[in-house]
Amino acid sequence: MKGSPDGAFFYACRKSIATEAGVTGSSRGVFNVKLYQTLGAYWLAHGISKDEWEAHLNKLVLVGTLLLGGMTSALSWSEESSLAAGHLAEAIRFPTVSYQDSGQMDLPAFREFQRFLRSTYSEVFSTLDVEIIAEHSLLLTWKGQDLSLKPVLFDSHYDVVPIEQGTQSEWTHPPFNGVIDQGYVWGRGALDDKVTVITTLEAVSSLLKSGFQPERTLLFSFAHDEEIGGAQGAVNIARILKQRYGSLEFMVGEGGLVLSDNPFLSDRSVAMVGLAEKTYVTLTLKAEGEGGHSSTPVNDNAIIRLAKAVTALHENPFKPRLQPPVSEMLATVGEHIGGVQGFMMRNQWLSAPLLTWTLSRDRVSNALVRSTTAVTMFNAGIKENVISQKAEAKVNFRLLPGVSPEDLIRDVADIIDDPAISITSNDWMQGPPVSDVEGVGFQRVAAAIHSVLPSAVVTPSMLTATTDTVHYVGLTESIYRFHPYTLPSDDVGKVHGTDERVAVDSVDTAVELSTELIRQASF
């Protein structure tokens, strides 16, 4: 917000005003943007410096209280915002969309986004060492006081997925307008993953202004191509870090989150920290057959042959199994649940078959216990009255930890049971191993969460999607995935979907969580 007072100081003032005015709970930390403008204009008009602001904090609290008392009823809470939420809204307005065909990417938008970050967080970019990797990714280094300590990496990305054609009109607000309305920041990237980029930089900025200095070196990577595999951004960042440091103490990547309405614990938030993610593999299936005129059908039809193959895969899912970290997640949640349900979660030596069967029946939880199969593309035919001689399908698989792409190809061939179907695969990378729930990285992340959200239950989890963390396995096996924001379960499906949004309250809490994560990682 141009012309606004110092962010860290004003944030502290805002919280003091809220306390004085009796604004608590979900409303704390969220004030109308007009209030910011009014207070900021008052102090700037009077030429008051930051030191003088601090000396006049009580006066500011009083002014703010009077403004709240007189203005709150007249102002629309649909405009409520915070500095961090405002910056996130601005970030969304840059259409940094990744396409498999790089020729479609609006590269000037990527460069403009970097300029926006440098301008908005000038102190961060002037104090930390900044490197541009592969033209569009960023690597920031905050040198620690003790260079004998291994660095810690915080990884996120600023590229976003495209908007599906024909769905633009279904959005409440246009996906790249970055609108703040009804207590939410709306737009593509609000959840994945510009919110992490922004809240991380907000946290670093605040810590710098407070004089904080880490003991160990902290690294912050902001990749530009995570959504298309990270072949330029993360791959090159990992290569540089390997050459420079050899290894990392641990890293925090994207993945888990704080779920405000876990079905097992309706009265407590659950902070899910990902210890693992599934391996992403797409197989190409091809069939060939006789061609000809549709007036004289053939028996050896390529489309029919391939349709039978993909139907066999769809109707014969892989066997479900309960294994870490999902088994550890259930055991942790079970510690906080009474009755038969809690007993079953805690005593998996007895209940594992029943738990596995129950989880496999639901579409969402099924992905936690099964390597999944999804037929996503089918191409054949050139004209409606011509029998195609060739057909091709793409089938996407997400493999449980421990299942290799080689295992998959063998199993797929057994299920299809047709040697005339060719099965090919690109060089898909094996997913990272399951990280140690007792490791120092998990303990530091948990400590940060408990510092900000003391009543939350911190549990290990598994990410069913795929991230850039696969590229960092050569640097550390201690990889923990955690988005610092809080979501209700209904909004989880908005990631990559229509009406992606994040609550302003959640953005502010994410700044606090990011700050504590950095503190915990710094020693």
Protein backbone atom coordinates (compact mmCIF):
# COMPACT_ATOMS: atom_id res chain seq x y z
CA MET A 1 0.00 0.00 0.00
CA LYS A 2 1.86 3.09 -1.17
CA GLY A 3 2.10 5.91 1.34
CA SER A 4 1.39 3.61 4.29
CA PRO A 5 3.38 3.85 7.53
CA ASP A 6 6.03 1.28 8.40
CA GLY A 7 4.38 -2.14 8.16
CA ALA A 8 5.80 -3.84 11.26
CA PHE A 9 5.18 -0.85 13.53
CA PHE A 10 1.72 -0.17 12.13
CA TYR A 11 0.84 -3.85 12.57
CA ALA A 12 1.72 -3.56 16.27
CA CYS A 13 -0.31 -0.37 16.56
CA ARG A 14 -3.28 -2.01 14.91
CA LYS A 15 -3.23 -4.87 17.41
CA SER A 16 -3.07 -2.38 20.29
CA ILE A 17 -6.01 -0.47 18.85
CA ALA A 18 -7.95 -3.70 18.51
CA THR A 19 -7.32 -4.59 22.15
CA GLU A 20 -8.35 -1.13 23.35
CA ALA A 21 -11.49 -1.20 21.22
CA GLY A 22 -12.46 -4.69 22.33
CA VAL A 23 -11.99 -6.21 18.88
CA THR A 24 -11.04 -9.82 19.47
CA GLY A 25 -11.22 -13.30 17.95
CA SER A 26 -11.70 -13.56 14.22
CA SER A 27 -11.95 -9.75 13.85
CA ARG A 28 -8.55 -9.02 15.41
CA GLY A 29 -5.84 -8.23 12.92
CA VAL A 30 -8.41 -7.26 10.26
CA PHE A 31 -9.28 -3.60 9.88
CA ASN A 32 -10.93 -1.65 7.11
CA VAL A 33 -8.45 -0.35 4.57
CA LYS A 34 -10.01 3.10 5.00
CA LEU A 35 -8.88 3.05 8.62
CA TYR A 36 -5.31 2.39 7.48
CA GLN A 37 -5.51 5.25 5.01
CA THR A 38 -6.98 7.64 7.57
CA LEU A 39 -4.37 6.95 10.27
CA GLY A 40 -1.51 6.77 7.80
CA ALA A 41 -2.49 10.06 6.16
CA TYR A 42 -2.74 11.71 9.59
CA TRP A 43 0.79 10.78 10.67
CA LEU A 44 2.39 11.40 7.27
CA ALA A 45 0.70 14.77 6.95
CA HIS A 46 2.24 15.77 10.28
CA GLY A 47 5.71 14.60 9.21
CA ILE A 48 6.08 12.27 12.18
CA SER A 49 8.98 9.78 12.02
CA LYS A 50 8.92 6.15 13.06
CA ASP A 51 10.61 6.97 16.40
CA GLU A 52 8.06 9.65 17.05
CA TRP A 53 5.27 7.18 16.18
CA GLU A 54 6.56 4.89 18.89
CA ALA A 55 6.64 7.74 21.37
CA HIS A 56 3.04 8.57 20.51
CA LEU A 57 1.69 5.01 20.54
CA ASN A 58 -0.86 5.74 23.27
CA LYS A 59 -2.18 8.70 21.29
CA LEU A 60 -2.48 6.50 18.20
CA VAL A 61 -4.36 3.88 20.20
CA LEU A 62 -6.77 6.55 21.41
CA VAL A 63 -7.26 7.97 17.91
CA GLY A 64 -7.81 4.49 16.53
CA THR A 65 -10.34 3.66 19.23
CA LEU A 66 -12.32 6.81 18.49
CA LEU A 67 -12.19 6.08 14.78
CA LEU A 68 -13.38 2.55 15.33
CA GLY A 69 -16.22 3.73 17.51
CA GLY A 70 -17.33 6.28 14.98
CA MET A 71 -16.55 4.54 11.71
CA THR A 72 -17.11 0.83 12.11
CA SER A 73 -20.87 0.98 11.72
CA ALA A 74 -20.59 3.12 8.61
CA LEU A 75 -17.88 1.14 6.81
CA SER A 76 -18.44 -1.96 4.75
CA TRP A 77 -16.62 -4.96 6.21
CA SER A 78 -16.43 -6.37 2.68
CA GLU A 79 -13.47 -3.98 2.26
CA GLU A 80 -11.61 -5.17 5.36
CA SER A 81 -7.96 -5.77 4.80
CA SER A 82 -4.47 -5.80 6.23
CA LEU A 83 -1.11 -4.82 4.82
CA ALA A 84 -0.18 -8.43 4.11
CA ALA A 85 -3.56 -9.17 2.51
CA GLY A 86 -3.23 -6.04 0.40
CA HIS A 87 0.18 -7.17 -0.81
CA LEU A 88 -1.20 -10.62 -1.64
CA ALA A 89 -4.02 -9.03 -3.62
CA GLU A 90 -1.45 -7.02 -5.58
CA ALA A 91 0.62 -10.15 -6.20
CA ILE A 92 -2.39 -11.97 -7.67
CA ARG A 93 -2.78 -9.25 -10.29
CA PHE A 94 0.35 -10.47 -12.07
CA PRO A 95 -0.75 -13.38 -14.34
CA THR A 96 2.33 -15.54 -13.76
CA VAL A 97 0.76 -18.58 -15.39
CA SER A 98 2.84 -21.66 -16.19
CA TYR A 99 2.04 -23.64 -19.34
CA GLN A 100 3.57 -26.91 -20.51
CA ASP A 101 4.20 -25.06 -23.75
CA SER A 102 6.61 -22.39 -22.51
CA GLY A 103 5.82 -20.30 -25.58
CA GLN A 104 2.44 -19.49 -24.02
CA MET A 105 3.95 -18.03 -20.84
CA ASP A 106 3.63 -14.28 -20.35
CA LEU A 107 7.27 -13.77 -19.32
CA PRO A 108 6.95 -9.97 -18.93
CA ALA A 109 4.41 -10.69 -16.14
CA PHE A 110 7.06 -12.77 -14.36
CA ARG A 111 9.58 -9.95 -14.60
CA GLU A 112 7.00 -7.41 -13.41
CA PHE A 113 6.21 -9.64 -10.45
CA GLN A 114 9.87 -9.69 -9.45
CA ARG A 115 9.97 -5.88 -9.67
CA PHE A 116 6.87 -5.75 -7.47
CA LEU A 117 8.59 -7.89 -4.83
CA ARG A 118 11.74 -5.75 -4.89
CA SER A 119 9.69 -2.58 -4.53
CA THR A 120 7.35 -3.88 -1.84
CA TYR A 121 10.06 -5.57 0.22
CA SER A 122 12.96 -3.23 -0.53
CA GLU A 123 14.64 -3.79 2.84
CA VAL A 124 14.61 -7.57 2.31
CA PHE A 125 16.10 -7.33 -1.18
CA SER A 126 18.72 -4.79 -0.12
CA THR A 127 19.83 -6.74 2.97
CA LEU A 128 19.76 -10.39 1.89
CA ASP A 129 21.87 -11.78 -0.93
CA VAL A 130 19.62 -12.07 -4.00
CA GLU A 131 20.24 -14.31 -7.01
CA ILE A 132 18.14 -14.75 -10.12
CA ILE A 133 18.16 -18.39 -11.19
CA ALA A 134 17.16 -19.53 -14.69
CA GLU A 135 16.06 -15.94 -15.46
CA HIS A 136 12.87 -16.01 -13.42
CA SER A 137 13.36 -17.90 -10.12
CA LEU A 138 14.74 -16.18 -7.01
CA LEU A 139 17.12 -17.41 -4.32
CA LEU A 140 17.56 -15.21 -1.24
CA THR A 141 20.28 -15.93 1.32
CA TRP A 142 20.19 -14.58 4.88
CA LYS A 143 23.69 -15.30 6.15
CA GLY A 144 23.83 -16.66 9.68
CA GLN A 145 26.31 -15.80 12.42
CA ASP A 146 27.51 -19.41 12.79
CA LEU A 147 28.61 -20.70 9.39
CA SER A 148 29.32 -24.15 10.84
CA LEU A 149 25.58 -24.78 11.05
CA LYS A 150 23.90 -26.32 8.01
CA PRO A 151 21.42 -23.99 6.28
CA VAL A 152 17.65 -24.39 6.27
CA LEU A 153 15.66 -23.80 3.09
CA PHE A 154 12.15 -22.34 2.82
CA ASP A 155 10.76 -23.16 -0.61
CA SER A 156 7.70 -21.74 -2.38
CA HIS A 157 6.73 -20.68 -5.89
CA TYR A 158 4.97 -17.80 -7.57
CA ASP A 159 3.80 -19.39 -10.80
CA VAL A 160 0.16 -20.45 -10.97
CA VAL A 161 -1.96 -22.82 -13.03
CA PRO A 162 -4.13 -21.58 -15.92
CA ILE A 163 -7.84 -20.91 -15.68
CA GLU A 164 -9.80 -23.66 -17.42
CA GLN A 165 -11.36 -22.35 -20.60
CA GLY A 166 -15.06 -21.66 -20.25
CA THR A 167 -14.98 -21.29 -16.44
CA GLN A 168 -13.99 -17.61 -16.15
CA SER A 169 -17.60 -16.50 -15.74
CA GLU A 170 -18.04 -18.88 -12.80
CA TRP A 171 -15.62 -16.91 -10.61
CA THR A 172 -17.11 -14.53 -8.04
CA HIS A 173 -14.35 -12.08 -8.97
CA PRO A 174 -12.11 -12.28 -12.06
CA PRO A 175 -9.21 -14.61 -11.21
CA PHE A 176 -6.44 -12.04 -11.75
CA ASN A 177 -8.13 -8.96 -10.29
CA GLY A 178 -6.84 -9.58 -6.77
CA VAL A 179 -10.03 -8.46 -5.04
CA ILE A 180 -10.48 -8.25 -1.26
CA ASP A 181 -14.15 -8.80 -0.47
CA GLN A 182 -16.25 -10.41 2.26
CA GLY A 183 -13.16 -10.98 4.39
CA TYR A 184 -11.28 -12.91 1.66
CA VAL A 185 -8.53 -12.31 -0.85
CA TRP A 186 -9.80 -13.76 -4.15
CA GLY A 187 -7.84 -14.93 -7.16
CA ARG A 188 -5.52 -17.46 -8.73
CA GLY A 189 -2.54 -17.98 -6.44
CA ALA A 190 -4.34 -16.94 -3.27
CA LEU A 191 -3.68 -20.46 -1.97
CA ASP A 192 -1.15 -21.97 -4.36
CA ASP A 193 1.30 -20.47 -3.73
CA LYS A 194 1.62 -16.71 -3.74
CA VAL A 195 0.25 -16.54 -0.21
CA THR A 196 3.37 -18.37 1.01
CA VAL A 197 5.68 -16.12 -1.00
CA ILE A 198 4.06 -12.99 0.39
CA THR A 199 3.75 -14.11 4.01
CA THR A 200 7.36 -15.35 4.00
CA LEU A 201 8.61 -11.98 2.77
CA GLU A 202 6.35 -10.16 5.24
CA ALA A 203 7.92 -12.22 8.02
CA VAL A 204 11.50 -11.61 6.87
CA SER A 205 10.78 -7.89 6.53
CA SER A 206 9.36 -7.71 10.04
CA LEU A 207 12.29 -9.63 11.53
CA LEU A 208 14.82 -7.40 9.78
CA LYS A 209 13.13 -4.30 11.12
CA SER A 210 13.23 -5.72 14.64
CA GLY A 211 16.99 -6.29 14.37
CA PHE A 212 16.75 -10.08 14.34
CA GLN A 213 19.81 -11.98 13.15
CA PRO A 214 19.75 -15.77 12.57
CA GLU A 215 22.47 -18.01 13.95
CA ARG A 216 22.33 -20.31 10.94
CA THR A 217 22.07 -19.33 7.30
CA LEU A 218 18.50 -19.26 6.00
CA LEU A 219 17.63 -19.73 2.34
CA PHE A 220 14.42 -18.65 0.61
CA SER A 221 13.62 -19.96 -2.88
CA PHE A 222 10.78 -18.54 -4.97
CA ALA A 223 10.48 -20.70 -8.08
CA HIS A 224 8.79 -19.73 -11.33
CA ASP A 225 7.92 -23.14 -12.84
CA GLU A 226 6.80 -25.47 -10.04
CA GLU A 227 3.45 -26.05 -11.70
CA ILE A 228 5.17 -27.61 -14.71
CA GLY A 229 7.73 -29.71 -12.88
CA GLY A 230 10.42 -27.27 -11.78
CA ALA A 231 12.91 -28.32 -14.47
CA GLN A 232 14.37 -24.81 -14.70
CA GLY A 233 13.77 -23.25 -11.30
CA ALA A 234 14.07 -25.87 -8.56
CA VAL A 235 16.49 -28.09 -10.50
CA ASN A 236 18.99 -25.25 -10.89
CA ILE A 237 18.48 -23.90 -7.38
CA ALA A 238 19.14 -27.38 -5.97
CA ARG A 239 22.25 -27.73 -8.12
CA ILE A 240 23.65 -24.41 -6.89
CA LEU A 241 22.89 -25.22 -3.23
CA LYS A 242 24.52 -28.64 -3.60
CA GLN A 243 27.69 -27.06 -4.93
CA ARG A 244 27.68 -24.34 -2.29
CA TYR A 245 26.66 -26.18 0.90
CA GLY A 246 26.68 -29.91 0.18
CA SER A 247 23.63 -30.52 2.37
CA LEU A 248 20.88 -28.80 4.36
CA GLU A 249 19.72 -29.31 7.93
CA PHE A 250 16.14 -29.52 6.67
CA MET A 251 13.76 -27.74 4.35
CA VAL A 252 10.19 -26.48 4.59
CA GLY A 253 8.24 -26.72 1.33
CA GLU A 254 4.66 -26.35 0.26
CA GLY A 255 2.12 -28.96 1.26
CA GLY A 256 0.32 -29.22 4.57
CA LEU A 257 -1.91 -26.60 6.15
CA VAL A 258 -4.03 -25.83 9.18
CA LEU A 259 -7.51 -27.33 8.78
CA SER A 260 -10.05 -25.45 10.86
CA ASP A 261 -12.80 -28.08 10.74
CA ASN A 262 -11.22 -31.52 10.75
CA PRO A 263 -14.09 -34.05 10.80
CA PHE A 264 -12.46 -36.00 13.64
CA LEU A 265 -11.81 -32.94 15.85
CA SER A 266 -14.60 -30.45 15.26
CA ASP A 267 -13.59 -28.25 18.22
CA ARG A 268 -9.86 -27.91 17.39
CA SER A 269 -7.77 -26.95 14.41
CA VAL A 270 -5.44 -29.59 13.01
CA ALA A 271 -2.08 -28.49 11.61
CA MET A 272 -0.98 -31.09 9.08
CA VAL A 273 2.75 -31.21 8.36
CA GLY A 274 3.59 -33.32 5.33
CA LEU A 275 6.32 -35.90 5.83
CA ALA A 276 5.90 -37.31 2.34
CA GLU A 277 4.26 -36.80 -1.01
CA LYS A 278 3.12 -39.17 -3.71
CA THR A 279 5.18 -39.86 -6.81
CA TYR A 280 3.72 -38.38 -10.01
CA VAL A 281 3.80 -40.61 -13.10
CA THR A 282 1.92 -40.37 -16.40
CA LEU A 283 1.93 -43.35 -18.74
CA THR A 284 1.12 -43.20 -22.45
CA LEU A 285 -0.88 -46.12 -23.81
CA LYS A 286 -1.08 -46.70 -27.57
CA ALA A 287 -3.06 -49.12 -29.72
CA GLU A 288 -3.06 -49.80 -33.44
CA GLY A 289 -5.66 -51.59 -35.58
CA GLU A 290 -7.22 -51.86 -39.00
CA GLY A 291 -8.53 -48.73 -40.66
CA GLY A 292 -11.08 -48.10 -43.34
CA HIS A 293 -14.49 -46.69 -44.12
CA SER A 294 -17.01 -46.67 -41.31
CA SER A 295 -19.57 -48.32 -43.60
CA THR A 296 -17.58 -51.56 -43.34
CA PRO A 297 -16.57 -51.93 -39.65
CA VAL A 298 -13.45 -53.89 -38.67
CA ASN A 299 -12.92 -56.35 -35.83
CA ASP A 300 -9.46 -55.08 -34.87
CA ASN A 301 -10.47 -51.53 -33.88
CA ALA A 302 -7.70 -49.48 -32.18
CA ILE A 303 -10.17 -47.33 -30.25
CA ILE A 304 -12.02 -50.36 -28.87
CA ARG A 305 -8.75 -52.07 -27.91
CA LEU A 306 -7.49 -48.99 -26.07
CA ALA A 307 -10.87 -48.36 -24.45
CA LYS A 308 -10.78 -51.85 -22.98
CA ALA A 309 -7.28 -51.21 -21.63
CA VAL A 310 -8.13 -47.96 -19.84
CA THR A 311 -11.41 -49.45 -18.58
CA ALA A 312 -9.44 -52.32 -17.05
CA LEU A 313 -7.21 -49.82 -15.23
CA HIS A 314 -10.19 -47.80 -14.04
CA GLU A 315 -12.09 -50.82 -12.76
CA ASN A 316 -9.12 -52.48 -11.07
CA PRO A 317 -7.65 -49.97 -8.62
CA PHE A 318 -4.48 -50.82 -6.77
CA LYS A 319 -4.80 -52.44 -3.37
CA PRO A 320 -5.12 -49.96 -0.49
CA ARG A 321 -2.67 -50.04 2.38
CA LEU A 322 -2.19 -48.11 5.59
CA GLN A 323 1.39 -46.97 6.06
CA PRO A 324 3.40 -44.01 7.42
CA PRO A 325 2.88 -41.13 7.50
CA VAL A 326 -0.90 -41.67 7.24
CA SER A 327 -0.85 -44.28 10.00
CA GLU A 328 1.06 -41.79 12.20
CA MET A 329 -1.48 -39.09 11.41
CA LEU A 330 -4.37 -41.29 12.51
CA ALA A 331 -2.55 -42.31 15.68
CA THR A 332 -1.88 -38.67 16.57
CA VAL A 333 -5.48 -37.61 16.00
CA GLY A 334 -6.63 -40.68 17.92
CA GLU A 335 -4.83 -39.40 21.01
CA HIS A 336 -7.35 -36.56 21.12
CA ILE A 337 -10.49 -38.58 20.40
CA GLY A 338 -12.34 -40.66 22.92
CA GLY A 339 -14.58 -43.69 22.48
CA VAL A 340 -14.29 -46.51 20.01
CA GLN A 341 -13.11 -44.28 17.17
CA GLY A 342 -10.12 -42.98 19.12
CA PHE A 343 -9.29 -46.48 20.38
CA MET A 344 -9.25 -47.83 16.82
CA MET A 345 -6.99 -45.04 15.59
CA ARG A 346 -4.52 -45.57 18.41
CA ASN A 347 -4.47 -49.36 18.22
CA GLN A 348 -3.78 -50.05 14.57
CA TRP A 349 -2.36 -53.49 15.30
CA LEU A 350 -6.01 -54.41 15.71
CA SER A 351 -7.86 -51.98 13.48
CA ALA A 352 -5.62 -51.46 10.41
CA PRO A 353 -7.79 -53.54 8.01
CA LEU A 354 -10.97 -51.72 9.07
CA LEU A 355 -9.33 -48.28 8.93
CA THR A 356 -7.92 -49.00 5.49
CA TRP A 357 -11.27 -50.19 4.16
CA THR A 358 -13.08 -47.16 5.62
CA LEU A 359 -10.62 -44.64 4.20
CA SER A 360 -10.64 -46.28 0.77
CA ARG A 361 -14.40 -45.80 0.37
CA ASP A 362 -14.21 -41.99 0.34
CA ARG A 363 -12.88 -40.19 -2.73
CA VAL A 364 -10.62 -37.82 -0.76
CA SER A 365 -9.29 -40.18 1.91
CA ASN A 366 -8.91 -42.97 -0.67
CA ALA A 367 -5.89 -41.09 -2.03
CA LEU A 368 -4.21 -41.42 1.38
CA VAL A 369 -4.17 -45.22 1.29
CA ARG A 370 -3.96 -46.08 -2.39
CA SER A 371 -1.82 -45.44 -5.45
CA THR A 372 -4.45 -43.79 -7.61
CA THR A 373 -5.29 -44.12 -11.30
CA ALA A 374 -6.90 -41.40 -13.43
CA VAL A 375 -7.51 -41.63 -17.16
CA THR A 376 -7.05 -38.03 -18.22
CA MET A 377 -6.65 -37.91 -22.03
CA PHE A 378 -7.89 -39.98 -24.97
CA ASN A 379 -7.03 -39.12 -28.56
CA ALA A 380 -8.14 -40.95 -31.70
CA GLY A 381 -9.83 -40.40 -35.04
CA ILE A 382 -9.58 -37.83 -37.81
CA LYS A 383 -13.13 -37.89 -39.23
CA GLU A 384 -16.49 -39.31 -38.18
CA ASN A 385 -16.73 -41.74 -41.10
CA VAL A 386 -13.12 -42.96 -40.94
CA ILE A 387 -12.07 -45.85 -38.69
CA SER A 388 -8.92 -44.73 -36.94
CA GLN A 389 -5.84 -46.93 -37.17
CA LYS A 390 -4.27 -45.42 -34.04
CA ALA A 391 -5.43 -44.42 -30.57
CA GLU A 392 -3.54 -42.93 -27.64
CA ALA A 393 -4.42 -42.33 -23.99
CA LYS A 394 -2.71 -40.65 -21.04
CA VAL A 395 -3.18 -42.15 -17.60
CA ASN A 396 -1.96 -40.25 -14.54
CA PHE A 397 -0.89 -42.12 -11.42
CA ARG A 398 -0.03 -40.87 -7.93
CA LEU A 399 2.04 -43.51 -6.19
CA LEU A 400 2.28 -44.16 -2.47
CA PRO A 401 5.73 -43.79 -0.90
CA GLY A 402 7.77 -46.89 -1.64
CA VAL A 403 6.15 -47.64 -5.01
CA SER A 404 8.50 -47.00 -7.92
CA PRO A 405 7.62 -46.09 -11.53
CA GLU A 406 9.12 -49.45 -12.55
CA ASP A 407 6.74 -51.27 -10.19
CA LEU A 408 3.87 -49.31 -11.70
CA ILE A 409 4.64 -50.21 -15.32
CA ARG A 410 4.84 -53.89 -14.44
CA ASP A 411 1.51 -53.80 -12.60
CA VAL A 412 -0.22 -51.84 -15.37
CA ALA A 413 0.91 -54.39 -17.96
CA ASP A 414 -0.49 -57.20 -15.79
CA ILE A 415 -3.86 -55.45 -15.40
CA ILE A 416 -4.24 -54.62 -19.10
CA ASP A 417 -3.04 -58.09 -20.14
CA ASP A 418 -2.80 -57.15 -23.81
CA PRO A 419 0.68 -57.22 -25.43
CA ALA A 420 -0.67 -55.22 -28.36
CA ILE A 421 -0.97 -52.17 -26.09
CA SER A 422 2.31 -50.28 -25.88
CA ILE A 423 3.12 -48.63 -22.55
CA THR A 424 5.65 -45.81 -22.44
CA SER A 425 6.80 -43.43 -19.75
CA ASN A 426 8.97 -40.35 -19.49
CA ASP A 427 11.77 -40.33 -16.93
CA TRP A 428 9.62 -39.65 -13.89
CA MET A 429 11.51 -39.10 -10.63
CA GLN A 430 10.90 -41.22 -7.57
CA GLY A 431 9.20 -39.21 -4.82
CA PRO A 432 11.19 -38.21 -1.71
CA PRO A 433 11.39 -40.69 1.16
CA VAL A 434 9.19 -40.30 4.23
CA SER A 435 10.78 -37.75 6.57
CA ASP A 436 11.40 -38.47 10.23
CA VAL A 437 8.58 -37.40 12.53
CA GLU A 438 11.12 -37.32 15.36
CA GLY A 439 13.56 -35.20 13.34
CA VAL A 440 14.65 -31.72 14.37
CA GLY A 441 12.84 -30.18 11.40
CA PHE A 442 9.45 -31.56 12.41
CA GLN A 443 10.03 -30.51 16.03
CA ARG A 444 10.89 -26.95 14.99
CA VAL A 445 7.85 -26.67 12.71
CA ALA A 446 5.61 -28.04 15.47
CA ALA A 447 7.07 -25.58 18.00
CA ALA A 448 6.35 -22.68 15.65
CA ILE A 449 2.75 -23.79 15.16
CA HIS A 450 2.16 -24.22 18.89
CA SER A 451 3.61 -20.78 19.54
CA VAL A 452 1.00 -19.12 17.33
CA LEU A 453 -1.86 -21.65 17.59
CA PRO A 454 -1.44 -23.23 21.05
CA SER A 455 -4.66 -25.27 20.86
CA ALA A 456 -3.98 -26.77 17.42
CA VAL A 457 -3.19 -30.47 17.10
CA VAL A 458 0.00 -30.89 15.06
CA THR A 459 0.01 -34.11 13.10
CA PRO A 460 2.17 -35.70 10.40
CA SER A 461 0.48 -36.11 7.04
CA MET A 462 1.06 -36.98 3.39
CA LEU A 463 0.59 -34.69 0.41
CA THR A 464 -1.35 -36.45 -2.32
CA ALA A 465 -0.06 -34.01 -4.95
CA THR A 466 3.52 -33.40 -6.09
CA THR A 467 5.85 -30.46 -5.44
CA ASP A 468 9.37 -29.24 -6.19
CA THR A 469 10.70 -31.02 -3.10
CA VAL A 470 11.64 -34.02 -5.24
CA HIS A 471 14.50 -31.95 -6.65
CA TYR A 472 16.03 -31.34 -3.22
CA VAL A 473 16.39 -34.96 -2.09
CA GLY A 474 20.12 -34.81 -2.81
CA LEU A 475 20.43 -32.02 -0.25
CA THR A 476 18.37 -33.43 2.59
CA GLU A 477 15.91 -36.22 3.37
CA SER A 478 14.40 -34.04 6.10
CA ILE A 479 11.69 -32.38 4.02
CA TYR A 480 8.63 -30.97 5.78
CA ARG A 481 5.69 -29.58 3.83
CA PHE A 482 3.60 -26.87 5.46
CA HIS A 483 1.57 -23.97 4.14
CA PRO A 484 1.14 -21.51 7.02
CA TYR A 485 -2.47 -20.68 6.23
CA THR A 486 -5.71 -21.93 7.79
CA LEU A 487 -8.61 -23.24 5.70
CA PRO A 488 -12.01 -24.80 6.24
CA SER A 489 -12.32 -28.13 4.46
CA ASP A 490 -14.79 -26.69 1.92
CA ASP A 491 -12.10 -24.36 0.59
CA VAL A 492 -9.38 -27.00 0.19
CA GLY A 493 -10.92 -27.99 -3.15
CA LYS A 494 -10.48 -24.43 -4.43
CA VAL A 495 -6.75 -25.01 -4.89
CA HIS A 496 -6.31 -25.02 -8.70
CA GLY A 497 -10.09 -24.57 -8.91
CA THR A 498 -12.69 -21.88 -9.36
CA ASP A 499 -12.96 -19.13 -6.73
CA GLU A 500 -9.57 -19.74 -5.16
CA ARG A 501 -9.50 -17.58 -2.07
CA VAL A 502 -7.98 -17.19 1.40
CA ALA A 503 -9.41 -15.39 4.43
CA VAL A 504 -7.74 -12.13 5.42
CA ASP A 505 -7.53 -13.46 8.99
CA SER A 506 -5.69 -16.47 7.65
CA VAL A 507 -3.19 -14.27 5.81
CA ASP A 508 -2.39 -12.38 9.01
CA THR A 509 -2.01 -15.60 10.96
CA ALA A 510 0.20 -16.96 8.18
CA VAL A 511 2.54 -14.01 8.67
CA GLU A 512 2.79 -14.85 12.36
CA LEU A 513 3.38 -18.53 11.58
CA SER A 514 6.00 -17.70 8.96
CA THR A 515 7.77 -15.45 11.45
CA GLU A 516 7.89 -18.21 14.06
CA LEU A 517 8.98 -20.80 11.49
CA ILE A 518 11.92 -18.60 10.59
CA ARG A 519 12.78 -18.04 14.26
CA GLN A 520 12.65 -21.75 14.99
CA ALA A 521 14.81 -22.60 12.00
CA SER A 522 17.41 -19.96 12.80
CA PHE A 523 19.36 -21.74 15.57
